[in-house]
Amino acid sequence: MHTLSTRTLHDLAYDRGEEYDPALTPTPALMEELSLTDRAERPIEAHSPYERRRRRERERREAEALVPDWFALDDLFERPVGVHGEVV
């Protein structure tokens, strides 16, 4: 566990609605709780319509990138001999 600075401990206690006095020795339980809140992340919110559209477009571009530009549907079928100007 890393040691939190006095300023960080003060800010975390303020967020909890408590007064932090560095002259008083905090209890180990309080220090552990404050150190856990230091690593807390923001709640996950629903993505905005703009973010959802960007994600859909990004996924579509990634899916299309899997097919090489030089590949065509005609490459899947064998052309009969003598078609399209080929020598018989």
N, C-alpha and C. Protein backbone atom coordinates (compact mmCIF):
# COMPACT_ATOMS: atom_id res chain seq x y z
N MET A 1 0.85 -1.18 0.00
CA MET A 1 0.00 0.00 0.00
C MET A 1 0.89 1.24 0.00
N HIS A 2 0.61 2.17 -0.89
CA HIS A 2 1.42 3.39 -0.94
C HIS A 2 0.94 4.38 0.12
N THR A 3 1.82 5.27 0.53
CA THR A 3 1.50 6.26 1.55
C THR A 3 0.87 7.48 0.89
N LEU A 4 -0.28 7.88 1.39
CA LEU A 4 -0.97 9.04 0.84
C LEU A 4 -0.41 10.32 1.47
N SER A 5 -0.38 11.38 0.66
CA SER A 5 0.08 12.65 1.19
C SER A 5 -0.97 13.27 2.11
N THR A 6 -0.54 14.21 2.90
CA THR A 6 -1.46 14.88 3.82
C THR A 6 -2.55 15.61 3.05
N ARG A 7 -2.18 16.20 1.94
CA ARG A 7 -3.15 16.92 1.12
C ARG A 7 -4.19 15.96 0.56
N THR A 8 -3.76 14.80 0.09
CA THR A 8 -4.70 13.82 -0.45
C THR A 8 -5.63 13.32 0.64
N LEU A 9 -5.08 13.04 1.83
CA LEU A 9 -5.93 12.61 2.94
C LEU A 9 -6.94 13.67 3.33
N HIS A 10 -6.51 14.94 3.30
CA HIS A 10 -7.43 16.03 3.61
C HIS A 10 -8.54 16.10 2.58
N ASP A 11 -8.19 15.98 1.29
CA ASP A 11 -9.20 16.05 0.23
C ASP A 11 -10.19 14.89 0.32
N LEU A 12 -9.68 13.71 0.59
CA LEU A 12 -10.56 12.55 0.71
C LEU A 12 -11.49 12.67 1.91
N ALA A 13 -10.97 13.14 3.03
CA ALA A 13 -11.81 13.34 4.21
C ALA A 13 -12.86 14.42 3.94
N TYR A 14 -12.47 15.47 3.24
CA TYR A 14 -13.42 16.54 2.90
C TYR A 14 -14.55 16.01 2.03
N ASP A 15 -14.20 15.15 1.05
CA ASP A 15 -15.22 14.55 0.19
C ASP A 15 -16.19 13.70 0.99
N ARG A 16 -15.71 13.10 2.06
CA ARG A 16 -16.57 12.28 2.92
C ARG A 16 -17.37 13.13 3.89
N GLY A 17 -17.07 14.42 3.99
CA GLY A 17 -17.78 15.29 4.92
C GLY A 17 -17.19 15.26 6.31
N GLU A 18 -15.94 14.87 6.42
CA GLU A 18 -15.27 14.79 7.72
C GLU A 18 -14.15 15.81 7.78
N GLU A 19 -13.72 16.11 8.98
CA GLU A 19 -12.60 17.02 9.19
C GLU A 19 -11.35 16.18 9.39
N TYR A 20 -10.29 16.51 8.69
CA TYR A 20 -9.03 15.78 8.82
C TYR A 20 -8.03 16.66 9.54
N ASP A 21 -7.52 16.17 10.64
CA ASP A 21 -6.52 16.90 11.40
C ASP A 21 -5.23 16.08 11.37
N PRO A 22 -4.19 16.57 10.69
CA PRO A 22 -2.96 15.78 10.61
C PRO A 22 -2.26 15.62 11.94
N ALA A 23 -2.58 16.47 12.93
CA ALA A 23 -1.96 16.35 14.25
C ALA A 23 -2.47 15.13 14.99
N LEU A 24 -3.69 14.73 14.71
CA LEU A 24 -4.25 13.54 15.35
C LEU A 24 -3.85 12.31 14.53
N THR A 25 -3.54 11.25 15.21
CA THR A 25 -3.17 10.03 14.52
C THR A 25 -4.44 9.33 14.05
N PRO A 26 -4.61 9.17 12.75
CA PRO A 26 -5.81 8.49 12.27
C PRO A 26 -5.72 6.99 12.55
N THR A 27 -6.85 6.38 12.70
CA THR A 27 -6.89 4.94 12.96
C THR A 27 -6.50 4.18 11.69
N PRO A 28 -5.95 2.99 11.81
CA PRO A 28 -5.61 2.20 10.62
C PRO A 28 -6.82 1.90 9.75
N ALA A 29 -7.98 1.71 10.36
CA ALA A 29 -9.19 1.44 9.58
C ALA A 29 -9.55 2.64 8.72
N LEU A 30 -9.44 3.85 9.28
CA LEU A 30 -9.73 5.06 8.52
C LEU A 30 -8.71 5.24 7.40
N MET A 31 -7.44 4.98 7.68
CA MET A 31 -6.41 5.11 6.65
C MET A 31 -6.66 4.12 5.50
N GLU A 32 -7.06 2.90 5.84
CA GLU A 32 -7.35 1.90 4.81
C GLU A 32 -8.54 2.34 3.97
N GLU A 33 -9.58 2.84 4.61
CA GLU A 33 -10.77 3.28 3.88
C GLU A 33 -10.45 4.47 2.98
N LEU A 34 -9.67 5.41 3.49
CA LEU A 34 -9.31 6.57 2.67
C LEU A 34 -8.42 6.16 1.51
N SER A 35 -7.54 5.20 1.70
CA SER A 35 -6.68 4.78 0.60
C SER A 35 -7.48 4.05 -0.47
N LEU A 36 -8.55 3.35 -0.07
CA LEU A 36 -9.41 2.69 -1.06
C LEU A 36 -10.19 3.71 -1.88
N THR A 37 -10.65 4.78 -1.23
CA THR A 37 -11.40 5.79 -1.98
C THR A 37 -10.49 6.56 -2.92
N ASP A 38 -9.19 6.56 -2.66
CA ASP A 38 -8.25 7.22 -3.56
C ASP A 38 -8.21 6.53 -4.91
N ARG A 39 -8.44 5.22 -4.93
CA ARG A 39 -8.38 4.45 -6.17
C ARG A 39 -9.75 4.26 -6.82
N ALA A 40 -10.77 4.84 -6.24
CA ALA A 40 -12.12 4.67 -6.78
C ALA A 40 -12.23 5.38 -8.13
N GLU A 41 -13.06 4.81 -9.00
CA GLU A 41 -13.28 5.40 -10.31
C GLU A 41 -14.68 5.99 -10.38
N ARG A 42 -14.87 6.82 -11.39
CA ARG A 42 -16.17 7.45 -11.57
C ARG A 42 -17.20 6.42 -12.00
N PRO A 43 -18.47 6.63 -11.66
CA PRO A 43 -19.51 5.70 -12.11
C PRO A 43 -19.59 5.68 -13.63
N ILE A 44 -19.90 4.53 -14.16
CA ILE A 44 -20.01 4.39 -15.61
C ILE A 44 -21.36 4.94 -16.03
N GLU A 45 -21.34 5.82 -16.99
CA GLU A 45 -22.57 6.43 -17.49
C GLU A 45 -22.88 5.86 -18.87
N ALA A 46 -24.11 5.99 -19.28
CA ALA A 46 -24.50 5.56 -20.62
C ALA A 46 -23.83 6.48 -21.64
N HIS A 47 -23.42 5.88 -22.75
CA HIS A 47 -22.77 6.66 -23.79
C HIS A 47 -23.78 7.57 -24.47
N SER A 48 -23.32 8.72 -24.89
CA SER A 48 -24.17 9.67 -25.60
C SER A 48 -24.44 9.13 -27.00
N PRO A 49 -25.48 9.66 -27.67
CA PRO A 49 -25.74 9.22 -29.05
C PRO A 49 -24.54 9.44 -29.96
N TYR A 50 -23.79 10.50 -29.74
CA TYR A 50 -22.60 10.77 -30.55
C TYR A 50 -21.55 9.67 -30.35
N GLU A 51 -21.33 9.27 -29.09
CA GLU A 51 -20.35 8.22 -28.81
C GLU A 51 -20.81 6.88 -29.37
N ARG A 52 -22.11 6.59 -29.28
CA ARG A 52 -22.62 5.33 -29.85
C ARG A 52 -22.43 5.30 -31.35
N ARG A 53 -22.68 6.42 -32.04
CA ARG A 53 -22.50 6.48 -33.50
C ARG A 53 -21.03 6.31 -33.86
N ARG A 54 -20.14 6.96 -33.10
CA ARG A 54 -18.70 6.82 -33.36
C ARG A 54 -18.25 5.37 -33.20
N ARG A 55 -18.77 4.70 -32.17
CA ARG A 55 -18.41 3.30 -31.95
C ARG A 55 -18.90 2.42 -33.09
N ARG A 56 -20.16 2.64 -33.55
CA ARG A 56 -20.69 1.86 -34.67
C ARG A 56 -19.86 2.07 -35.93
N GLU A 57 -19.51 3.33 -36.22
CA GLU A 57 -18.71 3.61 -37.41
C GLU A 57 -17.32 2.99 -37.30
N ARG A 58 -16.72 3.05 -36.12
CA ARG A 58 -15.40 2.45 -35.92
C ARG A 58 -15.46 0.94 -36.12
N GLU A 59 -16.49 0.28 -35.58
CA GLU A 59 -16.63 -1.16 -35.76
C GLU A 59 -16.86 -1.52 -37.23
N ARG A 60 -17.64 -0.69 -37.93
CA ARG A 60 -17.89 -0.94 -39.35
C ARG A 60 -16.60 -0.81 -40.16
N ARG A 61 -15.82 0.23 -39.87
CA ARG A 61 -14.54 0.40 -40.58
C ARG A 61 -13.59 -0.75 -40.30
N GLU A 62 -13.55 -1.21 -39.05
CA GLU A 62 -12.68 -2.34 -38.72
C GLU A 62 -13.13 -3.61 -39.43
N ALA A 63 -14.44 -3.82 -39.54
CA ALA A 63 -14.94 -5.01 -40.24
C ALA A 63 -14.62 -4.94 -41.73
N GLU A 64 -14.74 -3.76 -42.32
CA GLU A 64 -14.43 -3.62 -43.74
C GLU A 64 -12.94 -3.70 -44.01
N ALA A 65 -12.14 -3.38 -43.03
CA ALA A 65 -10.69 -3.41 -43.21
C ALA A 65 -10.17 -4.85 -43.32
N LEU A 66 -10.97 -5.82 -42.92
CA LEU A 66 -10.54 -7.21 -42.99
C LEU A 66 -10.53 -7.73 -44.42
N VAL A 67 -11.26 -7.09 -45.33
CA VAL A 67 -11.30 -7.50 -46.72
C VAL A 67 -10.31 -6.63 -47.50
N PRO A 68 -9.30 -7.24 -48.17
CA PRO A 68 -8.33 -6.43 -48.91
C PRO A 68 -8.99 -5.69 -50.07
N ASP A 69 -8.43 -4.57 -50.44
CA ASP A 69 -8.98 -3.76 -51.53
C ASP A 69 -8.90 -4.48 -52.88
N TRP A 70 -7.87 -5.28 -53.07
CA TRP A 70 -7.68 -5.95 -54.36
C TRP A 70 -8.62 -7.13 -54.54
N PHE A 71 -9.29 -7.58 -53.47
CA PHE A 71 -10.16 -8.75 -53.55
C PHE A 71 -11.50 -8.35 -54.13
N ALA A 72 -12.00 -9.16 -55.08
CA ALA A 72 -13.30 -8.90 -55.69
C ALA A 72 -14.13 -10.19 -55.64
N LEU A 73 -15.42 -10.06 -55.81
CA LEU A 73 -16.31 -11.21 -55.80
C LEU A 73 -15.99 -12.15 -56.95
N ASP A 74 -15.53 -11.62 -58.08
CA ASP A 74 -15.19 -12.45 -59.23
C ASP A 74 -14.04 -13.41 -58.92
N ASP A 75 -13.23 -13.11 -57.93
CA ASP A 75 -12.12 -13.99 -57.57
C ASP A 75 -12.59 -15.31 -56.99
N LEU A 76 -13.83 -15.38 -56.55
CA LEU A 76 -14.35 -16.61 -55.95
C LEU A 76 -14.81 -17.61 -57.00
N PHE A 77 -15.08 -17.15 -58.21
CA PHE A 77 -15.60 -18.02 -59.26
C PHE A 77 -14.58 -18.18 -60.36
N GLU A 78 -14.48 -19.40 -60.89
CA GLU A 78 -13.56 -19.66 -62.00
C GLU A 78 -14.25 -19.25 -63.29
N ARG A 79 -13.59 -18.40 -64.05
CA ARG A 79 -14.18 -17.95 -65.31
C ARG A 79 -13.96 -19.02 -66.37
N PRO A 80 -14.95 -19.24 -67.22
CA PRO A 80 -14.76 -20.22 -68.30
C PRO A 80 -13.71 -19.71 -69.29
N VAL A 81 -13.01 -20.64 -69.91
CA VAL A 81 -11.98 -20.28 -70.87
C VAL A 81 -12.61 -19.63 -72.08
N GLY A 82 -11.96 -18.61 -72.63
CA GLY A 82 -12.45 -17.95 -73.84
C GLY A 82 -13.35 -16.76 -73.56
N VAL A 83 -13.56 -16.44 -72.34
CA VAL A 83 -14.41 -15.29 -71.99
C VAL A 83 -13.52 -14.12 -71.65
N HIS A 84 -13.95 -12.93 -71.95
CA HIS A 84 -13.27 -11.69 -71.65
C HIS A 84 -11.96 -11.57 -72.43
N GLY A 85 -11.95 -12.02 -73.69
CA GLY A 85 -10.79 -11.79 -74.54
C GLY A 85 -9.62 -12.71 -74.29
N GLU A 86 -9.80 -13.81 -73.55
CA GLU A 86 -8.70 -14.73 -73.32
C GLU A 86 -8.49 -15.61 -74.55
N VAL A 87 -7.28 -16.01 -74.75
CA VAL A 87 -6.96 -16.88 -75.88
C VAL A 87 -7.40 -18.29 -75.54
N VAL A 88 -8.08 -18.91 -76.54
CA VAL A 88 -8.60 -20.27 -76.33
C VAL A 88 -7.51 -21.28 -76.65
